[in-house]
């Protein structure tokens, strides 16, 4: 690998965080609009399947939604910095992921709903902390 060659794994993981981060921010905003407008409650009342799915889930607070949005934005910024070869980007992604999970725990999200996120992030972190990625970030 040449001195400036970015490992493909870093590029792929960074773009995954960018794309999913943009989608995540949009989803949080739309979710808040749905709750604030009462549409969320109308959907629950209209469909027993939806009511069954969300019965164990706490209603997100505005603070939790703002915190989650800030953590997702931190992950997007981190991903852009990673593409520029800055080690700080990888740190921001870790802080954003951990922060989002802590917000979920504090908000009362049942752990079983967080398992997919934990598994996906563990896989992504595996690629971000492989020897080739460590070498790439430590050269900068």
C-alpha atoms as a PDB file:
ATOM      1  CA  UNK A   1       0.000   0.000   0.000  1.00  0.00           C
ATOM      2  CA  UNK A   2       1.447   3.384  -0.953  1.00  0.00           C
ATOM      3  CA  UNK A   3       1.842   6.103   1.668  1.00  0.00           C
ATOM      4  CA  UNK A   4      -1.377   7.893   0.684  1.00  0.00           C
ATOM      5  CA  UNK A   5      -3.502   4.885  -0.252  1.00  0.00           C
ATOM      6  CA  UNK A   6      -6.665   4.735   1.792  1.00  0.00           C
ATOM      7  CA  UNK A   7      -7.758   1.180   2.592  1.00  0.00           C
ATOM      8  CA  UNK A   8     -10.956   0.271   0.751  1.00  0.00           C
ATOM      9  CA  UNK A   9     -12.491  -0.777   4.053  1.00  0.00           C
ATOM     10  CA  UNK A  10     -12.105   2.782   5.409  1.00  0.00           C
ATOM     11  CA  UNK A  11     -13.661   4.236   2.256  1.00  0.00           C
ATOM     12  CA  UNK A  12     -16.603   1.829   2.332  1.00  0.00           C
ATOM     13  CA  UNK A  13     -17.277   2.296   6.052  1.00  0.00           C
ATOM     14  CA  UNK A  14     -17.047   6.084   5.735  1.00  0.00           C
ATOM     15  CA  UNK A  15     -19.575   6.123   2.892  1.00  0.00           C
ATOM     16  CA  UNK A  16     -21.874   3.794   4.836  1.00  0.00           C
ATOM     17  CA  UNK A  17     -21.845   6.261   7.743  1.00  0.00           C
ATOM     18  CA  UNK A  18     -22.434   9.215   5.416  1.00  0.00           C
ATOM     19  CA  UNK A  19     -25.375   7.639   3.576  1.00  0.00           C
ATOM     20  CA  UNK A  20     -26.982   6.116   6.667  1.00  0.00           C
ATOM     21  CA  UNK A  21     -26.344   9.311   8.613  1.00  0.00           C
ATOM     22  CA  UNK A  22     -28.192  11.465   6.104  1.00  0.00           C
ATOM     23  CA  UNK A  23     -31.056   8.953   6.051  1.00  0.00           C
ATOM     24  CA  UNK A  24     -30.993   8.813   9.866  1.00  0.00           C
ATOM     25  CA  UNK A  25     -31.217  12.583  10.292  1.00  0.00           C
ATOM     26  CA  UNK A  26     -34.091  12.718   7.810  1.00  0.00           C
ATOM     27  CA  UNK A  27     -35.842   9.863   9.658  1.00  0.00           C
ATOM     28  CA  UNK A  28     -35.498  11.531  13.057  1.00  0.00           C
ATOM     29  CA  UNK A  29     -36.923  14.788  11.709  1.00  0.00           C
ATOM     30  CA  UNK A  30     -39.824  12.992   9.991  1.00  0.00           C
ATOM     31  CA  UNK A  31     -40.433  10.929  13.128  1.00  0.00           C
ATOM     32  CA  UNK A  32     -40.633  14.031  15.281  1.00  0.00           C
ATOM     33  CA  UNK A  33     -43.025  15.663  12.810  1.00  0.00           C
ATOM     34  CA  UNK A  34     -45.194  12.535  12.914  1.00  0.00           C
ATOM     35  CA  UNK A  35     -45.323  12.586  16.715  1.00  0.00           C
ATOM     36  CA  UNK A  36     -45.862  16.351  16.971  1.00  0.00           C
ATOM     37  CA  UNK A  37     -48.691  16.331  14.412  1.00  0.00           C
ATOM     38  CA  UNK A  38     -50.482  13.395  16.051  1.00  0.00           C
ATOM     39  CA  UNK A  39     -50.067  11.215  12.947  1.00  0.00           C
ATOM     40  CA  UNK A  40     -48.093   8.652  14.957  1.00  0.00           C
ATOM     41  CA  UNK A  41     -50.972   8.199  17.414  1.00  0.00           C
ATOM     42  CA  UNK A  42     -53.484   7.934  14.568  1.00  0.00           C
ATOM     43  CA  UNK A  43     -51.407   5.183  12.911  1.00  0.00           C
ATOM     44  CA  UNK A  44     -51.186   3.252  16.169  1.00  0.00           C
ATOM     45  CA  UNK A  45     -54.926   3.547  16.755  1.00  0.00           C
ATOM     46  CA  UNK A  46     -55.715   2.440  13.203  1.00  0.00           C
ATOM     47  CA  UNK A  47     -53.595  -0.717  13.075  1.00  0.00           C
ATOM     48  CA  UNK A  48     -53.299  -3.354  15.802  1.00  0.00           C
ATOM     49  CA  UNK A  49     -50.057  -4.660  14.252  1.00  0.00           C
ATOM     50  CA  UNK A  50     -48.377  -1.287  14.655  1.00  0.00           C
ATOM     51  CA  UNK A  51     -49.730  -1.000  18.196  1.00  0.00           C
ATOM     52  CA  UNK A  52     -48.266  -4.414  19.038  1.00  0.00           C
ATOM     53  CA  UNK A  53     -44.861  -3.456  17.582  1.00  0.00           C
ATOM     54  CA  UNK A  54     -44.551  -0.220  19.559  1.00  0.00           C
ATOM     55  CA  UNK A  55     -46.178  -1.250  22.834  1.00  0.00           C
ATOM     56  CA  UNK A  56     -42.789  -1.891  24.490  1.00  0.00           C
ATOM     57  CA  UNK A  57     -41.086   1.133  22.994  1.00  0.00           C
ATOM     58  CA  UNK A  58     -40.956   4.427  24.872  1.00  0.00           C
ATOM     59  CA  UNK A  59     -42.181   7.580  23.177  1.00  0.00           C
ATOM     60  CA  UNK A  60     -39.067   9.521  22.147  1.00  0.00           C
ATOM     61  CA  UNK A  61     -38.635  12.894  23.805  1.00  0.00           C
ATOM     62  CA  UNK A  62     -37.563  16.034  21.978  1.00  0.00           C
ATOM     63  CA  UNK A  63     -34.284  15.971  23.915  1.00  0.00           C
ATOM     64  CA  UNK A  64     -33.605  12.383  22.837  1.00  0.00           C
ATOM     65  CA  UNK A  65     -34.374  13.230  19.213  1.00  0.00           C
ATOM     66  CA  UNK A  66     -32.116  16.299  19.268  1.00  0.00           C
ATOM     67  CA  UNK A  67     -29.366  14.308  20.968  1.00  0.00           C
ATOM     68  CA  UNK A  68     -29.658  11.493  18.449  1.00  0.00           C
ATOM     69  CA  UNK A  69     -29.586  13.962  15.571  1.00  0.00           C
ATOM     70  CA  UNK A  70     -26.452  15.578  17.012  1.00  0.00           C
ATOM     71  CA  UNK A  71     -24.756  12.175  17.404  1.00  0.00           C
ATOM     72  CA  UNK A  72     -25.677  11.152  13.849  1.00  0.00           C
ATOM     73  CA  UNK A  73     -24.347  14.475  12.540  1.00  0.00           C
ATOM     74  CA  UNK A  74     -21.138  13.814  14.487  1.00  0.00           C
ATOM     75  CA  UNK A  75     -20.845  10.447  12.721  1.00  0.00           C
ATOM     76  CA  UNK A  76     -21.310  12.081   9.292  1.00  0.00           C
ATOM     77  CA  UNK A  77     -18.650  14.698  10.060  1.00  0.00           C
ATOM     78  CA  UNK A  78     -16.385  11.920  11.312  1.00  0.00           C
ATOM     79  CA  UNK A  79     -16.881   9.945   8.116  1.00  0.00           C
ATOM     80  CA  UNK A  80     -15.972  12.961   5.967  1.00  0.00           C
ATOM     81  CA  UNK A  81     -12.842  13.513   8.068  1.00  0.00           C
ATOM     82  CA  UNK A  82     -11.938   9.830   7.673  1.00  0.00           C
ATOM     83  CA  UNK A  83     -12.124  10.213   3.901  1.00  0.00           C
ATOM     84  CA  UNK A  84      -9.625  13.059   4.300  1.00  0.00           C
ATOM     85  CA  UNK A  85      -7.346  10.753   6.297  1.00  0.00           C
ATOM     86  CA  UNK A  86      -7.858  12.373   9.673  1.00  0.00           C
ATOM     87  CA  UNK A  87      -7.741  10.085  12.695  1.00  0.00           C
ATOM     88  CA  UNK A  88     -10.139  12.418  14.509  1.00  0.00           C
ATOM     89  CA  UNK A  89     -12.852  11.241  12.103  1.00  0.00           C
ATOM     90  CA  UNK A  90     -12.673   7.693  13.398  1.00  0.00           C
ATOM     91  CA  UNK A  91     -12.839   8.988  16.969  1.00  0.00           C
ATOM     92  CA  UNK A  92     -15.916  11.103  16.177  1.00  0.00           C
ATOM     93  CA  UNK A  93     -17.660   8.072  14.698  1.00  0.00           C
ATOM     94  CA  UNK A  94     -16.998   6.026  17.836  1.00  0.00           C
ATOM     95  CA  UNK A  95     -18.221   8.876  20.053  1.00  0.00           C
ATOM     96  CA  UNK A  96     -21.334   9.303  17.895  1.00  0.00           C
ATOM     97  CA  UNK A  97     -22.220   5.605  17.935  1.00  0.00           C
ATOM     98  CA  UNK A  98     -21.656   5.264  21.686  1.00  0.00           C
ATOM     99  CA  UNK A  99     -23.584   8.495  22.313  1.00  0.00           C
ATOM    100  CA  UNK A 100     -26.536   7.311  20.247  1.00  0.00           C
ATOM    101  CA  UNK A 101     -26.632   4.000  22.129  1.00  0.00           C
ATOM    102  CA  UNK A 102     -26.449   5.798  25.489  1.00  0.00           C
ATOM    103  CA  UNK A 103     -29.311   8.086  24.481  1.00  0.00           C
ATOM    104  CA  UNK A 104     -31.329   5.004  23.541  1.00  0.00           C
ATOM    105  CA  UNK A 105     -30.615   3.394  26.917  1.00  0.00           C
ATOM    106  CA  UNK A 106     -31.457   6.549  28.861  1.00  0.00           C
ATOM    107  CA  UNK A 107     -34.658   6.957  26.854  1.00  0.00           C
ATOM    108  CA  UNK A 108     -35.681   3.439  27.897  1.00  0.00           C
ATOM    109  CA  UNK A 109     -35.346   1.644  24.572  1.00  0.00           C
ATOM    110  CA  UNK A 110     -35.484  -2.100  25.273  1.00  0.00           C
ATOM    111  CA  UNK A 111     -32.088  -3.716  24.728  1.00  0.00           C
ATOM    112  CA  UNK A 112     -33.468  -6.231  22.222  1.00  0.00           C
ATOM    113  CA  UNK A 113     -34.247  -3.346  19.860  1.00  0.00           C
ATOM    114  CA  UNK A 114     -30.613  -2.188  20.033  1.00  0.00           C
ATOM    115  CA  UNK A 115     -29.047  -5.568  19.174  1.00  0.00           C
ATOM    116  CA  UNK A 116     -29.096  -5.048  15.363  1.00  0.00           C
ATOM    117  CA  UNK A 117     -27.365  -1.686  15.760  1.00  0.00           C
ATOM    118  CA  UNK A 118     -24.755  -3.181  18.065  1.00  0.00           C
ATOM    119  CA  UNK A 119     -24.000  -6.013  15.652  1.00  0.00           C
ATOM    120  CA  UNK A 120     -23.758  -3.731  12.600  1.00  0.00           C
ATOM    121  CA  UNK A 121     -21.563  -1.216  14.415  1.00  0.00           C
ATOM    122  CA  UNK A 122     -19.303  -3.984  15.743  1.00  0.00           C
ATOM    123  CA  UNK A 123     -18.758  -5.169  12.168  1.00  0.00           C
ATOM    124  CA  UNK A 124     -18.045  -1.629  10.952  1.00  0.00           C
ATOM    125  CA  UNK A 125     -15.676  -0.989  13.873  1.00  0.00           C
ATOM    126  CA  UNK A 126     -13.848  -4.226  13.039  1.00  0.00           C
ATOM    127  CA  UNK A 127     -12.983  -2.741   9.637  1.00  0.00           C
ATOM    128  CA  UNK A 128     -12.138   0.691  11.087  1.00  0.00           C
ATOM    129  CA  UNK A 129      -9.623  -0.772  13.516  1.00  0.00           C
ATOM    130  CA  UNK A 130      -7.927  -3.357  11.309  1.00  0.00           C
ATOM    131  CA  UNK A 131      -4.135  -3.081  11.004  1.00  0.00           C
ATOM    132  CA  UNK A 132      -4.354  -1.461   7.548  1.00  0.00           C
ATOM    133  CA  UNK A 133      -6.744   1.209   8.860  1.00  0.00           C
ATOM    134  CA  UNK A 134      -4.594   1.808  11.939  1.00  0.00           C
ATOM    135  CA  UNK A 135      -1.536   2.207   9.713  1.00  0.00           C
ATOM    136  CA  UNK A 136      -3.411   4.626   7.438  1.00  0.00           C
ATOM    137  CA  UNK A 137      -4.569   6.866  10.285  1.00  0.00           C
ATOM    138  CA  UNK A 138      -1.298   6.727  12.219  1.00  0.00           C
ATOM    139  CA  UNK A 139       0.685   7.978   9.184  1.00  0.00           C
ATOM    140  CA  UNK A 140      -1.278  11.182   9.075  1.00  0.00           C
END
